[in-house]
C-alpha atoms as a PDB file:
ATOM      1  CA  UNK A   1     -12.178   2.721  -6.365  1.00  0.00           C
ATOM      2  CA  UNK A   2     -10.354   0.694  -9.038  1.00  0.00           C
ATOM      3  CA  UNK A   3      -6.899  -0.747  -8.437  1.00  0.00           C
ATOM      4  CA  UNK A   4      -5.220   1.656 -10.916  1.00  0.00           C
ATOM      5  CA  UNK A   5      -6.887   4.601  -9.182  1.00  0.00           C
ATOM      6  CA  UNK A   6      -5.842   3.325  -5.763  1.00  0.00           C
ATOM      7  CA  UNK A   7      -2.285   2.896  -6.970  1.00  0.00           C
ATOM      8  CA  UNK A   8      -2.212   6.439  -8.389  1.00  0.00           C
ATOM      9  CA  UNK A   9      -3.590   7.766  -5.102  1.00  0.00           C
ATOM     10  CA  UNK A  10      -0.708   6.070  -3.293  1.00  0.00           C
ATOM     11  CA  UNK A  11       1.773   7.390  -5.888  1.00  0.00           C
ATOM     12  CA  UNK A  12       0.518  10.940  -5.376  1.00  0.00           C
ATOM     13  CA  UNK A  13       1.029  10.533  -1.634  1.00  0.00           C
ATOM     14  CA  UNK A  14       4.522   9.076  -2.126  1.00  0.00           C
ATOM     15  CA  UNK A  15       5.535  11.910  -4.455  1.00  0.00           C
ATOM     16  CA  UNK A  16       4.420  14.382  -1.762  1.00  0.00           C
ATOM     17  CA  UNK A  17       6.547  12.532   0.834  1.00  0.00           C
ATOM     18  CA  UNK A  18       3.400  11.328   2.632  1.00  0.00           C
ATOM     19  CA  UNK A  19       5.018   7.907   2.939  1.00  0.00           C
ATOM     20  CA  UNK A  20       2.776   6.542   5.690  1.00  0.00           C
ATOM     21  CA  UNK A  21      -0.287   7.251   3.554  1.00  0.00           C
ATOM     22  CA  UNK A  22       1.351   5.709   0.482  1.00  0.00           C
ATOM     23  CA  UNK A  23       2.218   2.587   2.478  1.00  0.00           C
ATOM     24  CA  UNK A  24      -1.325   2.322   3.834  1.00  0.00           C
ATOM     25  CA  UNK A  25      -2.726   2.437   0.297  1.00  0.00           C
ATOM     26  CA  UNK A  26      -0.090   0.311  -1.447  1.00  0.00           C
ATOM     27  CA  UNK A  27       0.342  -2.563   0.997  1.00  0.00           C
ATOM     28  CA  UNK A  28      -3.157  -4.083   0.478  1.00  0.00           C
ATOM     29  CA  UNK A  29      -2.740  -3.661  -3.287  1.00  0.00           C
ATOM     30  CA  UNK A  30       0.691  -5.280  -3.167  1.00  0.00           C
ATOM     31  CA  UNK A  31      -0.677  -8.248  -1.258  1.00  0.00           C
ATOM     32  CA  UNK A  32      -3.324  -8.606  -3.980  1.00  0.00           C
ATOM     33  CA  UNK A  33      -0.518  -8.961  -6.551  1.00  0.00           C
ATOM     34  CA  UNK A  34      -0.456  -5.430  -8.015  1.00  0.00           C
ATOM     35  CA  UNK A  35       3.095  -5.193  -9.432  1.00  0.00           C
ATOM     36  CA  UNK A  36       3.390  -1.390  -9.333  1.00  0.00           C
ATOM     37  CA  UNK A  37       2.357  -1.402  -5.671  1.00  0.00           C
ATOM     38  CA  UNK A  38       4.845  -4.198  -4.950  1.00  0.00           C
ATOM     39  CA  UNK A  39       7.629  -2.114  -6.474  1.00  0.00           C
ATOM     40  CA  UNK A  40       6.402   0.875  -4.461  1.00  0.00           C
ATOM     41  CA  UNK A  41       6.564  -1.158  -1.262  1.00  0.00           C
ATOM     42  CA  UNK A  42      10.047  -2.300  -2.218  1.00  0.00           C
ATOM     43  CA  UNK A  43      11.121   1.320  -2.549  1.00  0.00           C
ATOM     44  CA  UNK A  44       9.564   2.239   0.810  1.00  0.00           C
ATOM     45  CA  UNK A  45      11.620  -0.400   2.608  1.00  0.00           C
ATOM     46  CA  UNK A  46      14.745   0.062   0.513  1.00  0.00           C
ATOM     47  CA  UNK A  47      14.963   3.802   1.202  1.00  0.00           C
ATOM     48  CA  UNK A  48      13.346   3.782   4.655  1.00  0.00           C
ATOM     49  CA  UNK A  49      10.440   5.946   3.519  1.00  0.00           C
ATOM     50  CA  UNK A  50       7.664   5.577   6.084  1.00  0.00           C
ATOM     51  CA  UNK A  51       9.167   2.323   7.415  1.00  0.00           C
ATOM     52  CA  UNK A  52      12.503   1.296   8.929  1.00  0.00           C
ATOM     53  CA  UNK A  53      15.118   0.917   6.184  1.00  0.00           C
ATOM     54  CA  UNK A  54      15.328  -2.787   5.439  1.00  0.00           C
ATOM     55  CA  UNK A  55      17.046  -4.090   2.325  1.00  0.00           C
ATOM     56  CA  UNK A  56      15.773  -7.633   2.830  1.00  0.00           C
ATOM     57  CA  UNK A  57      12.144  -6.504   3.027  1.00  0.00           C
ATOM     58  CA  UNK A  58      12.685  -4.281  -0.001  1.00  0.00           C
ATOM     59  CA  UNK A  59      14.176  -7.198  -1.901  1.00  0.00           C
ATOM     60  CA  UNK A  60      11.205  -9.416  -0.972  1.00  0.00           C
ATOM     61  CA  UNK A  61       8.734  -6.972  -2.496  1.00  0.00           C
ATOM     62  CA  UNK A  62      10.849  -6.487  -5.614  1.00  0.00           C
ATOM     63  CA  UNK A  63      10.975 -10.257  -6.083  1.00  0.00           C
ATOM     64  CA  UNK A  64       7.189 -10.412  -5.948  1.00  0.00           C
ATOM     65  CA  UNK A  65       6.792  -7.799  -8.673  1.00  0.00           C
ATOM     66  CA  UNK A  66       6.070  -9.284 -12.094  1.00  0.00           C
ATOM     67  CA  UNK A  67       4.230  -8.830 -15.407  1.00  0.00           C
ATOM     68  CA  UNK A  68       4.982  -5.583 -17.242  1.00  0.00           C
ATOM     69  CA  UNK A  69       7.051  -4.243 -14.328  1.00  0.00           C
ATOM     70  CA  UNK A  70       9.106  -7.383 -13.876  1.00  0.00           C
ATOM     71  CA  UNK A  71      12.105  -5.744 -15.574  1.00  0.00           C
ATOM     72  CA  UNK A  72      11.944  -2.735 -13.276  1.00  0.00           C
ATOM     73  CA  UNK A  73      11.889  -4.938 -10.176  1.00  0.00           C
ATOM     74  CA  UNK A  74      14.941  -6.881 -11.389  1.00  0.00           C
ATOM     75  CA  UNK A  75      16.702  -3.577 -12.129  1.00  0.00           C
ATOM     76  CA  UNK A  76      16.064  -2.458  -8.551  1.00  0.00           C
ATOM     77  CA  UNK A  77      17.481  -5.702  -7.167  1.00  0.00           C
ATOM     78  CA  UNK A  78      20.536  -5.374  -9.425  1.00  0.00           C
ATOM     79  CA  UNK A  79      21.216  -1.865  -8.141  1.00  0.00           C
ATOM     80  CA  UNK A  80      20.901  -3.026  -4.534  1.00  0.00           C
ATOM     81  CA  UNK A  81      23.545  -5.712  -5.143  1.00  0.00           C
ATOM     82  CA  UNK A  82      25.754  -3.362  -7.187  1.00  0.00           C
ATOM     83  CA  UNK A  83      25.728  -0.569  -4.602  1.00  0.00           C
ATOM     84  CA  UNK A  84      25.609  -2.781  -1.524  1.00  0.00           C
ATOM     85  CA  UNK A  85      22.457  -0.899  -0.560  1.00  0.00           C
ATOM     86  CA  UNK A  86      20.464  -3.072   1.854  1.00  0.00           C
ATOM     87  CA  UNK A  87      22.209  -6.193   0.565  1.00  0.00           C
ATOM     88  CA  UNK A  88      25.846  -7.338   0.625  1.00  0.00           C
ATOM     89  CA  UNK A  89      27.620  -5.859  -2.385  1.00  0.00           C
ATOM     90  CA  UNK A  90      27.913  -8.552  -5.036  1.00  0.00           C
ATOM     91  CA  UNK A  91      28.786  -7.585  -8.606  1.00  0.00           C
ATOM     92  CA  UNK A  92      28.137 -11.074  -9.951  1.00  0.00           C
ATOM     93  CA  UNK A  93      24.574 -11.030  -8.620  1.00  0.00           C
ATOM     94  CA  UNK A  94      24.151  -7.471  -9.874  1.00  0.00           C
ATOM     95  CA  UNK A  95      25.140  -8.568 -13.379  1.00  0.00           C
ATOM     96  CA  UNK A  96      22.726 -11.514 -13.186  1.00  0.00           C
ATOM     97  CA  UNK A  97      19.755  -9.300 -12.343  1.00  0.00           C
ATOM     98  CA  UNK A  98      20.784  -6.597 -14.819  1.00  0.00           C
ATOM     99  CA  UNK A  99      20.778  -9.276 -17.522  1.00  0.00           C
ATOM    100  CA  UNK A 100      17.297 -10.455 -16.525  1.00  0.00           C
ATOM    101  CA  UNK A 101      16.015  -6.887 -16.701  1.00  0.00           C
ATOM    102  CA  UNK A 102      17.806  -6.243 -20.001  1.00  0.00           C
ATOM    103  CA  UNK A 103      16.319  -9.379 -21.522  1.00  0.00           C
ATOM    104  CA  UNK A 104      12.902  -8.062 -20.581  1.00  0.00           C
ATOM    105  CA  UNK A 105      13.454  -4.846 -22.510  1.00  0.00           C
ATOM    106  CA  UNK A 106      14.866  -2.479 -19.864  1.00  0.00           C
ATOM    107  CA  UNK A 107      17.393  -0.335 -21.729  1.00  0.00           C
ATOM    108  CA  UNK A 108      18.989   1.105 -18.578  1.00  0.00           C
ATOM    109  CA  UNK A 109      19.799  -2.422 -17.419  1.00  0.00           C
ATOM    110  CA  UNK A 110      21.423  -3.161 -20.771  1.00  0.00           C
ATOM    111  CA  UNK A 111      23.561  -0.018 -20.340  1.00  0.00           C
ATOM    112  CA  UNK A 112      24.708  -1.100 -16.883  1.00  0.00           C
ATOM    113  CA  UNK A 113      25.491  -4.607 -18.137  1.00  0.00           C
ATOM    114  CA  UNK A 114      27.478  -3.125 -21.012  1.00  0.00           C
ATOM    115  CA  UNK A 115      29.569  -1.114 -18.538  1.00  0.00           C
ATOM    116  CA  UNK A 116      30.184  -4.200 -16.410  1.00  0.00           C
ATOM    117  CA  UNK A 117      31.423  -6.245 -19.377  1.00  0.00           C
ATOM    118  CA  UNK A 118      33.556  -3.322 -20.525  1.00  0.00           C
ATOM    119  CA  UNK A 119      35.201  -3.034 -17.096  1.00  0.00           C
ATOM    120  CA  UNK A 120      35.191  -6.749 -16.211  1.00  0.00           C
ATOM    121  CA  UNK A 121      33.139  -6.033 -13.096  1.00  0.00           C
ATOM    122  CA  UNK A 122      31.353  -9.137 -11.800  1.00  0.00           C
ATOM    123  CA  UNK A 123      31.741 -10.757 -15.234  1.00  0.00           C
ATOM    124  CA  UNK A 124      34.747 -11.688 -17.421  1.00  0.00           C
ATOM    125  CA  UNK A 125      35.814  -8.615 -19.348  1.00  0.00           C
ATOM    126  CA  UNK A 126      34.491  -8.747 -22.907  1.00  0.00           C
ATOM    127  CA  UNK A 127      34.338  -5.764 -25.239  1.00  0.00           C
ATOM    128  CA  UNK A 128      32.240  -7.803 -27.673  1.00  0.00           C
ATOM    129  CA  UNK A 129      29.590  -8.455 -25.035  1.00  0.00           C
ATOM    130  CA  UNK A 130      29.816  -4.824 -23.935  1.00  0.00           C
ATOM    131  CA  UNK A 131      28.979  -3.795 -27.505  1.00  0.00           C
ATOM    132  CA  UNK A 132      26.196  -6.396 -27.700  1.00  0.00           C
ATOM    133  CA  UNK A 133      24.375  -4.984 -24.676  1.00  0.00           C
ATOM    134  CA  UNK A 134      25.143  -1.428 -25.707  1.00  0.00           C
ATOM    135  CA  UNK A 135      23.457  -2.094 -29.054  1.00  0.00           C
ATOM    136  CA  UNK A 136      20.459  -3.608 -27.270  1.00  0.00           C
ATOM    137  CA  UNK A 137      19.984  -0.311 -25.427  1.00  0.00           C
ATOM    138  CA  UNK A 138      20.822   1.848 -28.460  1.00  0.00           C
ATOM    139  CA  UNK A 139      18.097   0.153 -30.501  1.00  0.00           C
ATOM    140  CA  UNK A 140      15.688   1.412 -27.848  1.00  0.00           C
ATOM    141  CA  UNK A 141      16.960   4.948 -28.503  1.00  0.00           C
ATOM    142  CA  UNK A 142      19.008   5.203 -25.318  1.00  0.00           C
ATOM    143  CA  UNK A 143      21.227   8.231 -25.970  1.00  0.00           C
ATOM    144  CA  UNK A 144      24.151   7.085 -23.789  1.00  0.00           C
ATOM    145  CA  UNK A 145      24.200   3.736 -25.591  1.00  0.00           C
ATOM    146  CA  UNK A 146      24.076   5.424 -28.997  1.00  0.00           C
ATOM    147  CA  UNK A 147      27.135   7.491 -28.065  1.00  0.00           C
ATOM    148  CA  UNK A 148      29.027   4.483 -26.710  1.00  0.00           C
ATOM    149  CA  UNK A 149      28.212   2.417 -29.790  1.00  0.00           C
ATOM    150  CA  UNK A 150      29.498   5.229 -31.976  1.00  0.00           C
ATOM    151  CA  UNK A 151      32.728   5.269 -29.982  1.00  0.00           C
ATOM    152  CA  UNK A 152      33.065   1.478 -30.273  1.00  0.00           C
ATOM    153  CA  UNK A 153      32.816   1.623 -34.070  1.00  0.00           C
ATOM    154  CA  UNK A 154      35.088   4.668 -34.235  1.00  0.00           C
ATOM    155  CA  UNK A 155      37.821   3.005 -32.161  1.00  0.00           C
ATOM    156  CA  UNK A 156      37.224  -0.565 -33.342  1.00  0.00           C
ATOM    157  CA  UNK A 157      36.711  -1.726 -29.754  1.00  0.00           C
ATOM    158  CA  UNK A 158      34.627  -4.921 -29.594  1.00  0.00           C
ATOM    159  CA  UNK A 159      33.678  -4.524 -33.266  1.00  0.00           C
ATOM    160  CA  UNK A 160      35.484  -4.014 -36.546  1.00  0.00           C
ATOM    161  CA  UNK A 161      36.343  -0.333 -36.973  1.00  0.00           C
ATOM    162  CA  UNK A 162      33.753   1.274 -39.228  1.00  0.00           C
ATOM    163  CA  UNK A 163      33.499   5.036 -39.578  1.00  0.00           C
ATOM    164  CA  UNK A 164      30.176   4.871 -41.410  1.00  0.00           C
ATOM    165  CA  UNK A 165      28.600   2.967 -38.526  1.00  0.00           C
ATOM    166  CA  UNK A 166      30.238   5.342 -36.054  1.00  0.00           C
ATOM    167  CA  UNK A 167      28.708   8.301 -37.900  1.00  0.00           C
ATOM    168  CA  UNK A 168      25.286   6.638 -37.866  1.00  0.00           C
ATOM    169  CA  UNK A 169      25.254   6.171 -34.088  1.00  0.00           C
ATOM    170  CA  UNK A 170      26.888   9.525 -33.320  1.00  0.00           C
ATOM    171  CA  UNK A 171      24.177  11.187 -35.415  1.00  0.00           C
ATOM    172  CA  UNK A 172      21.425   9.469 -33.449  1.00  0.00           C
ATOM    173  CA  UNK A 173      22.955  10.546 -30.147  1.00  0.00           C
ATOM    174  CA  UNK A 174      23.680  14.064 -31.434  1.00  0.00           C
ATOM    175  CA  UNK A 175      20.029  14.479 -32.349  1.00  0.00           C
ATOM    176  CA  UNK A 176      19.241  13.695 -28.713  1.00  0.00           C
ATOM    177  CA  UNK A 177      21.444  16.615 -27.612  1.00  0.00           C
ATOM    178  CA  UNK A 178      24.443  14.539 -26.498  1.00  0.00           C
ATOM    179  CA  UNK A 179      27.286  17.056 -26.663  1.00  0.00           C
ATOM    180  CA  UNK A 180      30.097  14.485 -26.907  1.00  0.00           C
ATOM    181  CA  UNK A 181      28.337  12.943 -29.926  1.00  0.00           C
ATOM    182  CA  UNK A 182      27.927  16.376 -31.521  1.00  0.00           C
ATOM    183  CA  UNK A 183      31.660  17.043 -31.081  1.00  0.00           C
ATOM    184  CA  UNK A 184      32.549  13.659 -32.532  1.00  0.00           C
ATOM    185  CA  UNK A 185      30.209  14.170 -35.477  1.00  0.00           C
ATOM    186  CA  UNK A 186      31.607  17.636 -36.118  1.00  0.00           C
ATOM    187  CA  UNK A 187      35.126  16.225 -36.221  1.00  0.00           C
ATOM    188  CA  UNK A 188      34.136  13.378 -38.543  1.00  0.00           C
ATOM    189  CA  UNK A 189      32.258  15.639 -40.957  1.00  0.00           C
ATOM    190  CA  UNK A 190      35.148  18.094 -41.059  1.00  0.00           C
ATOM    191  CA  UNK A 191      37.761  15.393 -41.666  1.00  0.00           C
ATOM    192  CA  UNK A 192      35.657  13.313 -44.047  1.00  0.00           C
ATOM    193  CA  UNK A 193      35.564  10.216 -41.842  1.00  0.00           C
ATOM    194  CA  UNK A 194      32.640   7.941 -42.665  1.00  0.00           C
ATOM    195  CA  UNK A 195      31.666   9.956 -45.734  1.00  0.00           C
ATOM    196  CA  UNK A 196      32.674  12.901 -47.932  1.00  0.00           C
ATOM    197  CA  UNK A 197      34.223  15.817 -46.049  1.00  0.00           C
ATOM    198  CA  UNK A 198      31.684  18.549 -45.250  1.00  0.00           C
ATOM    199  CA  UNK A 199      33.453  21.307 -43.355  1.00  0.00           C
ATOM    200  CA  UNK A 200      30.390  23.532 -43.095  1.00  0.00           C
ATOM    201  CA  UNK A 201      28.341  20.708 -41.544  1.00  0.00           C
ATOM    202  CA  UNK A 202      31.249  19.930 -39.232  1.00  0.00           C
ATOM    203  CA  UNK A 203      31.202  23.549 -38.097  1.00  0.00           C
ATOM    204  CA  UNK A 204      27.415  23.323 -37.675  1.00  0.00           C
ATOM    205  CA  UNK A 205      27.654  20.382 -35.275  1.00  0.00           C
ATOM    206  CA  UNK A 206      30.430  22.007 -33.249  1.00  0.00           C
ATOM    207  CA  UNK A 207      28.429  25.244 -33.041  1.00  0.00           C
ATOM    208  CA  UNK A 208      25.496  23.218 -31.722  1.00  0.00           C
ATOM    209  CA  UNK A 209      27.792  21.421 -29.259  1.00  0.00           C
ATOM    210  CA  UNK A 210      29.058  24.715 -27.820  1.00  0.00           C
ATOM    211  CA  UNK A 211      25.508  26.030 -27.454  1.00  0.00           C
ATOM    212  CA  UNK A 212      24.241  22.834 -25.815  1.00  0.00           C
ATOM    213  CA  UNK A 213      27.281  22.512 -23.534  1.00  0.00           C
ATOM    214  CA  UNK A 214      26.916  26.127 -22.460  1.00  0.00           C
ATOM    215  CA  UNK A 215      23.259  25.580 -21.519  1.00  0.00           C
ATOM    216  CA  UNK A 216      24.110  22.410 -19.589  1.00  0.00           C
ATOM    217  CA  UNK A 217      26.936  24.132 -17.718  1.00  0.00           C
ATOM    218  CA  UNK A 218      24.699  27.066 -16.727  1.00  0.00           C
ATOM    219  CA  UNK A 219      21.995  24.693 -15.526  1.00  0.00           C
ATOM    220  CA  UNK A 220      24.404  22.632 -13.417  1.00  0.00           C
ATOM    221  CA  UNK A 221      26.118  25.741 -12.052  1.00  0.00           C
ATOM    222  CA  UNK A 222      22.729  27.199 -11.106  1.00  0.00           C
ATOM    223  CA  UNK A 223      21.905  24.059  -9.118  1.00  0.00           C
ATOM    224  CA  UNK A 224      25.284  24.172  -7.357  1.00  0.00           C
ATOM    225  CA  UNK A 225      24.949  27.877  -6.556  1.00  0.00           C
ATOM    226  CA  UNK A 226      21.462  27.340  -5.111  1.00  0.00           C
ATOM    227  CA  UNK A 227      22.682  24.537  -2.866  1.00  0.00           C
ATOM    228  CA  UNK A 228      24.521  24.827   0.427  1.00  0.00           C
ATOM    229  CA  UNK A 229      25.927  21.322   0.255  1.00  0.00           C
ATOM    230  CA  UNK A 230      26.835  20.499  -3.361  1.00  0.00           C
ATOM    231  CA  UNK A 231      30.573  20.865  -4.083  1.00  0.00           C
ATOM    232  CA  UNK A 232      31.762  23.067  -6.921  1.00  0.00           C
ATOM    233  CA  UNK A 233      33.626  20.073  -8.378  1.00  0.00           C
ATOM    234  CA  UNK A 234      30.319  18.676  -9.629  1.00  0.00           C
ATOM    235  CA  UNK A 235      30.396  21.277 -12.370  1.00  0.00           C
ATOM    236  CA  UNK A 236      33.928  20.453 -13.501  1.00  0.00           C
ATOM    237  CA  UNK A 237      32.834  17.824 -16.040  1.00  0.00           C
ATOM    238  CA  UNK A 238      30.370  20.177 -17.723  1.00  0.00           C
ATOM    239  CA  UNK A 239      32.969  22.957 -17.720  1.00  0.00           C
ATOM    240  CA  UNK A 240      35.554  20.709 -19.378  1.00  0.00           C
ATOM    241  CA  UNK A 241      33.067  19.561 -22.017  1.00  0.00           C
ATOM    242  CA  UNK A 242      32.257  23.185 -22.839  1.00  0.00           C
ATOM    243  CA  UNK A 243      35.922  24.148 -23.132  1.00  0.00           C
ATOM    244  CA  UNK A 244      36.657  21.159 -25.373  1.00  0.00           C
ATOM    245  CA  UNK A 245      33.749  22.026 -27.677  1.00  0.00           C
ATOM    246  CA  UNK A 246      34.903  25.647 -27.868  1.00  0.00           C
ATOM    247  CA  UNK A 247      38.467  24.641 -28.720  1.00  0.00           C
ATOM    248  CA  UNK A 248      37.306  22.268 -31.461  1.00  0.00           C
ATOM    249  CA  UNK A 249      35.026  24.929 -32.924  1.00  0.00           C
ATOM    250  CA  UNK A 250      37.795  27.538 -33.062  1.00  0.00           C
ATOM    251  CA  UNK A 251      40.094  25.111 -34.882  1.00  0.00           C
ATOM    252  CA  UNK A 252      37.414  24.429 -37.494  1.00  0.00           C
ATOM    253  CA  UNK A 253      36.422  28.077 -37.932  1.00  0.00           C
ATOM    254  CA  UNK A 254      40.049  28.985 -38.633  1.00  0.00           C
ATOM    255  CA  UNK A 255      39.815  26.830 -41.795  1.00  0.00           C
ATOM    256  CA  UNK A 256      36.563  28.378 -43.088  1.00  0.00           C
ATOM    257  CA  UNK A 257      35.584  31.619 -44.771  1.00  0.00           C
ATOM    258  CA  UNK A 258      33.260  34.088 -43.054  1.00  0.00           C
ATOM    259  CA  UNK A 259      30.456  33.097 -45.440  1.00  0.00           C
ATOM    260  CA  UNK A 260      30.911  29.407 -44.636  1.00  0.00           C
ATOM    261  CA  UNK A 261      30.791  30.147 -40.910  1.00  0.00           C
ATOM    262  CA  UNK A 262      27.555  32.099 -41.343  1.00  0.00           C
ATOM    263  CA  UNK A 263      25.984  29.212 -43.240  1.00  0.00           C
ATOM    264  CA  UNK A 264      27.033  26.825 -40.468  1.00  0.00           C
ATOM    265  CA  UNK A 265      25.601  29.138 -37.801  1.00  0.00           C
ATOM    266  CA  UNK A 266      22.284  29.377 -39.665  1.00  0.00           C
ATOM    267  CA  UNK A 267      22.128  25.586 -39.962  1.00  0.00           C
ATOM    268  CA  UNK A 268      22.815  25.296 -36.225  1.00  0.00           C
ATOM    269  CA  UNK A 269      20.062  27.781 -35.406  1.00  0.00           C
ATOM    270  CA  UNK A 270      17.602  25.874 -37.577  1.00  0.00           C
ATOM    271  CA  UNK A 271      18.527  22.603 -35.854  1.00  0.00           C
ATOM    272  CA  UNK A 272      17.998  24.097 -32.401  1.00  0.00           C
ATOM    273  CA  UNK A 273      14.712  25.677 -33.448  1.00  0.00           C
ATOM    274  CA  UNK A 274      13.505  22.305 -34.704  1.00  0.00           C
ATOM    275  CA  UNK A 275      14.542  20.751 -31.388  1.00  0.00           C
ATOM    276  CA  UNK A 276      12.514  23.323 -29.455  1.00  0.00           C
ATOM    277  CA  UNK A 277       9.494  22.789 -31.703  1.00  0.00           C
ATOM    278  CA  UNK A 278       9.609  19.041 -31.000  1.00  0.00           C
ATOM    279  CA  UNK A 279       9.582  19.508 -27.223  1.00  0.00           C
END
């Protein structure tokens, strides 16, 4: 059996919680230098799946991982340092490994590094560097980064305030179903920030935001209701987002005619239909 097939066999076992089987398959592969198997072994030891939980052993396997999965291994090490999971918590080391992973193209690492520079966590606070790493992730179509970059340009935080650039990044995030970006875009279109005012399109984006937020809230609430251990507070964020979107939409609709609202609703329906067709 080829190495890729052996790795996939171990992955199937791991996904089915047959950790001992996964370890039996992956360990020889890992010792032969197979990076995916090395990362798998790191996860086994990090989380105590099929072996005693051991952060040092997990770290050793992650350090061995290289090639195309080098970034992922560095991301795992960064998280271990950031969370103090199996290793002493050390934000400076976390930032170092996040940067290595980000420089190797891992957009999630760039997002984490952006947050750390924004908050001055493990690194000197720098909004400019926060924007730099946020843009690195946004250029890889990371939706969170697109939203944050839009906010940076909107507020002039770490960059010169530029509503046109804010609109550009909000639009990218909005088209990835990010409700906060859809609300922001609706507001900007309605007020004519970053371009000519288009109240109907503003209403369209806020209509979409309400629909998307409602779906997200129902999904999260369903998970909470089906669980015996998840607290109700986990749904508070989604509930607040939905209420905010509804309030913004009502304010906009009060300024439009019935015909304009219908046009906006039709545009919103077409957008959502296109989204479904693409998935």
